């Protein structure tokens, strides 16, 4: 499964925000990760629409997590950035071309659709079982806070 680069950027930003004691600007988050400010801004807006971060304006404005990092899963971030749609979309190719099966033989999902759905469930379960707090525990929090 291929995820957009924005997913990686957004997850890293959430980990950094989990270590911050104040909101951080989109510009600062972009600098910390060496990424485009304008492209990152689009993803921070998506995180805000999903209720994961809260933007604030003013001199000390920026972004902050809306809840405890232990309550934000990696799957929450993936959905915010790439959307909720499944990675695999069955197009019923088994009903097309020279090998087409008649519709009455296609009442249940084929083996391809079944294995892809199972992989999707396993992938989403894994992402739902990992939180931003879990990821934050793998980084040097003191180094992150010193960079802020």
C-alpha atoms as a PDB file:
ATOM      1  CA  UNK A   1       0.000   0.000   0.000  1.00  0.00           C
ATOM      2  CA  UNK A   2       1.332   3.358  -0.939  1.00  0.00           C
ATOM      3  CA  UNK A   3       0.733   6.356   1.275  1.00  0.00           C
ATOM      4  CA  UNK A   4       1.308   9.959   0.324  1.00  0.00           C
ATOM      5  CA  UNK A   5       4.399  11.777   1.632  1.00  0.00           C
ATOM      6  CA  UNK A   6       2.004  13.987   3.574  1.00  0.00           C
ATOM      7  CA  UNK A   7       1.189  11.072   5.875  1.00  0.00           C
ATOM      8  CA  UNK A   8       4.813  10.790   6.956  1.00  0.00           C
ATOM      9  CA  UNK A   9       5.085  14.538   7.424  1.00  0.00           C
ATOM     10  CA  UNK A  10       1.873  14.711   9.431  1.00  0.00           C
ATOM     11  CA  UNK A  11       2.848  11.844  11.725  1.00  0.00           C
ATOM     12  CA  UNK A  12       6.236  13.432  12.422  1.00  0.00           C
ATOM     13  CA  UNK A  13       4.554  16.775  13.139  1.00  0.00           C
ATOM     14  CA  UNK A  14       2.150  15.122  15.577  1.00  0.00           C
ATOM     15  CA  UNK A  15       5.067  13.477  17.381  1.00  0.00           C
ATOM     16  CA  UNK A  16       6.839  16.839  17.688  1.00  0.00           C
ATOM     17  CA  UNK A  17       3.655  18.566  18.848  1.00  0.00           C
ATOM     18  CA  UNK A  18       3.266  15.876  21.504  1.00  0.00           C
ATOM     19  CA  UNK A  19       6.602  17.051  22.947  1.00  0.00           C
ATOM     20  CA  UNK A  20       5.880  20.794  22.725  1.00  0.00           C
ATOM     21  CA  UNK A  21       4.681  22.845  25.658  1.00  0.00           C
ATOM     22  CA  UNK A  22       3.213  25.508  23.371  1.00  0.00           C
ATOM     23  CA  UNK A  23       1.722  25.740  19.870  1.00  0.00           C
ATOM     24  CA  UNK A  24       4.245  25.579  17.043  1.00  0.00           C
ATOM     25  CA  UNK A  25       3.878  27.464  13.788  1.00  0.00           C
ATOM     26  CA  UNK A  26       3.587  25.603  10.521  1.00  0.00           C
ATOM     27  CA  UNK A  27       6.763  27.356   9.417  1.00  0.00           C
ATOM     28  CA  UNK A  28       8.686  26.053  12.426  1.00  0.00           C
ATOM     29  CA  UNK A  29       7.376  22.523  11.926  1.00  0.00           C
ATOM     30  CA  UNK A  30       8.478  22.705   8.284  1.00  0.00           C
ATOM     31  CA  UNK A  31      11.950  23.919   9.326  1.00  0.00           C
ATOM     32  CA  UNK A  32      12.310  21.144  11.900  1.00  0.00           C
ATOM     33  CA  UNK A  33      11.661  18.538   9.216  1.00  0.00           C
ATOM     34  CA  UNK A  34      13.212  20.264   6.197  1.00  0.00           C
ATOM     35  CA  UNK A  35       9.993  20.188   4.201  1.00  0.00           C
ATOM     36  CA  UNK A  36       7.991  22.697   2.162  1.00  0.00           C
ATOM     37  CA  UNK A  37       6.012  25.151   4.314  1.00  0.00           C
ATOM     38  CA  UNK A  38       3.206  25.482   1.781  1.00  0.00           C
ATOM     39  CA  UNK A  39       2.836  21.739   1.248  1.00  0.00           C
ATOM     40  CA  UNK A  40       2.960  21.079   5.002  1.00  0.00           C
ATOM     41  CA  UNK A  41       0.342  23.793   5.606  1.00  0.00           C
ATOM     42  CA  UNK A  42      -2.116  21.837   3.467  1.00  0.00           C
ATOM     43  CA  UNK A  43      -1.589  18.754   5.630  1.00  0.00           C
ATOM     44  CA  UNK A  44      -1.812  20.687   8.885  1.00  0.00           C
ATOM     45  CA  UNK A  45      -5.159  22.028   7.682  1.00  0.00           C
ATOM     46  CA  UNK A  46      -6.302  18.449   7.014  1.00  0.00           C
ATOM     47  CA  UNK A  47      -5.241  17.475  10.550  1.00  0.00           C
ATOM     48  CA  UNK A  48      -7.215  20.451  11.871  1.00  0.00           C
ATOM     49  CA  UNK A  49     -10.331  19.459   9.887  1.00  0.00           C
ATOM     50  CA  UNK A  50     -10.029  15.970  11.383  1.00  0.00           C
ATOM     51  CA  UNK A  51      -9.829  17.410  14.902  1.00  0.00           C
ATOM     52  CA  UNK A  52      -6.283  16.176  15.530  1.00  0.00           C
ATOM     53  CA  UNK A  53      -4.636  19.594  15.799  1.00  0.00           C
ATOM     54  CA  UNK A  54      -6.029  22.964  16.777  1.00  0.00           C
ATOM     55  CA  UNK A  55      -4.706  26.026  14.967  1.00  0.00           C
ATOM     56  CA  UNK A  56      -4.371  29.267  16.920  1.00  0.00           C
ATOM     57  CA  UNK A  57      -3.671  32.732  15.583  1.00  0.00           C
ATOM     58  CA  UNK A  58      -1.632  35.599  16.883  1.00  0.00           C
ATOM     59  CA  UNK A  59       1.984  36.199  17.773  1.00  0.00           C
ATOM     60  CA  UNK A  60       2.210  32.966  19.744  1.00  0.00           C
ATOM     61  CA  UNK A  61      -0.083  31.079  17.399  1.00  0.00           C
ATOM     62  CA  UNK A  62       0.532  27.817  15.705  1.00  0.00           C
ATOM     63  CA  UNK A  63      -0.670  24.257  16.039  1.00  0.00           C
ATOM     64  CA  UNK A  64      -1.235  22.086  19.085  1.00  0.00           C
ATOM     65  CA  UNK A  65      -2.665  18.607  19.499  1.00  0.00           C
ATOM     66  CA  UNK A  66      -6.329  18.633  20.462  1.00  0.00           C
ATOM     67  CA  UNK A  67      -6.043  15.683  22.832  1.00  0.00           C
ATOM     68  CA  UNK A  68      -3.598  13.482  24.629  1.00  0.00           C
ATOM     69  CA  UNK A  69      -1.138  11.811  22.201  1.00  0.00           C
ATOM     70  CA  UNK A  70      -2.183   8.419  23.599  1.00  0.00           C
ATOM     71  CA  UNK A  71      -5.638   9.119  22.161  1.00  0.00           C
ATOM     72  CA  UNK A  72      -4.452   9.799  18.600  1.00  0.00           C
ATOM     73  CA  UNK A  73      -3.676   6.751  16.491  1.00  0.00           C
ATOM     74  CA  UNK A  74      -1.520   6.556  13.413  1.00  0.00           C
ATOM     75  CA  UNK A  75      -4.666   5.449  11.574  1.00  0.00           C
ATOM     76  CA  UNK A  76      -6.362   8.722  12.630  1.00  0.00           C
ATOM     77  CA  UNK A  77      -3.541  10.646  10.933  1.00  0.00           C
ATOM     78  CA  UNK A  78      -3.579   8.433   7.809  1.00  0.00           C
ATOM     79  CA  UNK A  79      -7.330   8.968   7.436  1.00  0.00           C
ATOM     80  CA  UNK A  80      -6.962  12.719   7.943  1.00  0.00           C
ATOM     81  CA  UNK A  81      -4.343  13.012   5.204  1.00  0.00           C
ATOM     82  CA  UNK A  82      -5.197  10.296   2.675  1.00  0.00           C
ATOM     83  CA  UNK A  83      -8.889   9.828   3.448  1.00  0.00           C
ATOM     84  CA  UNK A  84     -10.890   6.869   4.689  1.00  0.00           C
ATOM     85  CA  UNK A  85     -11.211   4.942   1.436  1.00  0.00           C
ATOM     86  CA  UNK A  86      -9.676   1.462   1.250  1.00  0.00           C
ATOM     87  CA  UNK A  87      -6.389   1.080  -0.576  1.00  0.00           C
ATOM     88  CA  UNK A  88      -7.793  -1.677  -2.812  1.00  0.00           C
ATOM     89  CA  UNK A  89     -10.942  -1.176  -4.822  1.00  0.00           C
ATOM     90  CA  UNK A  90     -12.356  -4.265  -6.509  1.00  0.00           C
ATOM     91  CA  UNK A  91     -13.519  -3.521 -10.052  1.00  0.00           C
ATOM     92  CA  UNK A  92     -14.951  -7.010 -10.655  1.00  0.00           C
ATOM     93  CA  UNK A  93     -12.402  -7.756 -13.371  1.00  0.00           C
ATOM     94  CA  UNK A  94     -13.516 -11.379 -13.123  1.00  0.00           C
ATOM     95  CA  UNK A  95     -16.653 -10.349 -15.031  1.00  0.00           C
ATOM     96  CA  UNK A  96     -14.731  -8.827 -17.941  1.00  0.00           C
ATOM     97  CA  UNK A  97     -12.790 -10.030 -20.945  1.00  0.00           C
ATOM     98  CA  UNK A  98     -12.356 -13.516 -22.359  1.00  0.00           C
ATOM     99  CA  UNK A  99     -12.360 -15.078 -18.874  1.00  0.00           C
ATOM    100  CA  UNK A 100     -15.546 -13.320 -17.744  1.00  0.00           C
ATOM    101  CA  UNK A 101     -17.598 -15.213 -15.201  1.00  0.00           C
ATOM    102  CA  UNK A 102     -21.367 -14.845 -15.348  1.00  0.00           C
ATOM    103  CA  UNK A 103     -22.913 -12.541 -12.699  1.00  0.00           C
ATOM    104  CA  UNK A 104     -24.619 -15.461 -10.928  1.00  0.00           C
ATOM    105  CA  UNK A 105     -21.147 -16.876 -10.159  1.00  0.00           C
ATOM    106  CA  UNK A 106     -20.028 -13.551  -8.694  1.00  0.00           C
ATOM    107  CA  UNK A 107     -22.396 -13.127  -5.774  1.00  0.00           C
ATOM    108  CA  UNK A 108     -19.565 -13.419  -3.249  1.00  0.00           C
ATOM    109  CA  UNK A 109     -16.187 -11.662  -3.318  1.00  0.00           C
ATOM    110  CA  UNK A 110     -13.494 -13.491  -5.259  1.00  0.00           C
ATOM    111  CA  UNK A 111     -10.255 -14.712  -3.702  1.00  0.00           C
ATOM    112  CA  UNK A 112      -8.392 -11.594  -4.812  1.00  0.00           C
ATOM    113  CA  UNK A 113     -10.909  -9.257  -3.163  1.00  0.00           C
ATOM    114  CA  UNK A 114     -10.945 -11.405  -0.018  1.00  0.00           C
ATOM    115  CA  UNK A 115      -7.173 -11.470   0.433  1.00  0.00           C
ATOM    116  CA  UNK A 116      -6.897  -7.742  -0.229  1.00  0.00           C
ATOM    117  CA  UNK A 117      -9.679  -6.978   2.273  1.00  0.00           C
ATOM    118  CA  UNK A 118      -7.928  -9.113   4.889  1.00  0.00           C
ATOM    119  CA  UNK A 119      -4.632  -7.309   4.263  1.00  0.00           C
ATOM    120  CA  UNK A 120      -6.426  -3.969   4.587  1.00  0.00           C
ATOM    121  CA  UNK A 121      -8.003  -5.036   7.903  1.00  0.00           C
ATOM    122  CA  UNK A 122      -4.625  -6.178   9.269  1.00  0.00           C
ATOM    123  CA  UNK A 123      -2.903  -2.981   8.123  1.00  0.00           C
ATOM    124  CA  UNK A 124      -5.583  -0.737   9.635  1.00  0.00           C
ATOM    125  CA  UNK A 125      -5.644  -2.748  12.861  1.00  0.00           C
ATOM    126  CA  UNK A 126      -1.890  -2.296  13.208  1.00  0.00           C
ATOM    127  CA  UNK A 127      -2.098   1.448  12.574  1.00  0.00           C
ATOM    128  CA  UNK A 128      -5.043   1.783  14.965  1.00  0.00           C
ATOM    129  CA  UNK A 129      -2.994   0.002  17.629  1.00  0.00           C
ATOM    130  CA  UNK A 130      -0.141   2.512  17.488  1.00  0.00           C
ATOM    131  CA  UNK A 131      -0.560   5.981  18.980  1.00  0.00           C
ATOM    132  CA  UNK A 132       1.358   9.203  18.669  1.00  0.00           C
ATOM    133  CA  UNK A 133       2.441   8.624  22.288  1.00  0.00           C
ATOM    134  CA  UNK A 134       3.873   5.243  21.282  1.00  0.00           C
ATOM    135  CA  UNK A 135       5.898   6.892  18.534  1.00  0.00           C
ATOM    136  CA  UNK A 136       6.955   9.771  20.786  1.00  0.00           C
ATOM    137  CA  UNK A 137       8.404   7.201  23.176  1.00  0.00           C
ATOM    138  CA  UNK A 138      10.835   6.160  20.423  1.00  0.00           C
ATOM    139  CA  UNK A 139      12.390   9.623  19.985  1.00  0.00           C
ATOM    140  CA  UNK A 140      14.728  11.593  22.203  1.00  0.00           C
ATOM    141  CA  UNK A 141      12.163  13.919  23.771  1.00  0.00           C
ATOM    142  CA  UNK A 142      14.826  16.145  25.330  1.00  0.00           C
ATOM    143  CA  UNK A 143      16.476  16.704  21.954  1.00  0.00           C
ATOM    144  CA  UNK A 144      13.117  17.507  20.359  1.00  0.00           C
ATOM    145  CA  UNK A 145      12.175  19.950  23.131  1.00  0.00           C
ATOM    146  CA  UNK A 146      15.619  21.602  22.891  1.00  0.00           C
ATOM    147  CA  UNK A 147      15.050  22.177  19.151  1.00  0.00           C
ATOM    148  CA  UNK A 148      11.690  23.833  19.752  1.00  0.00           C
END
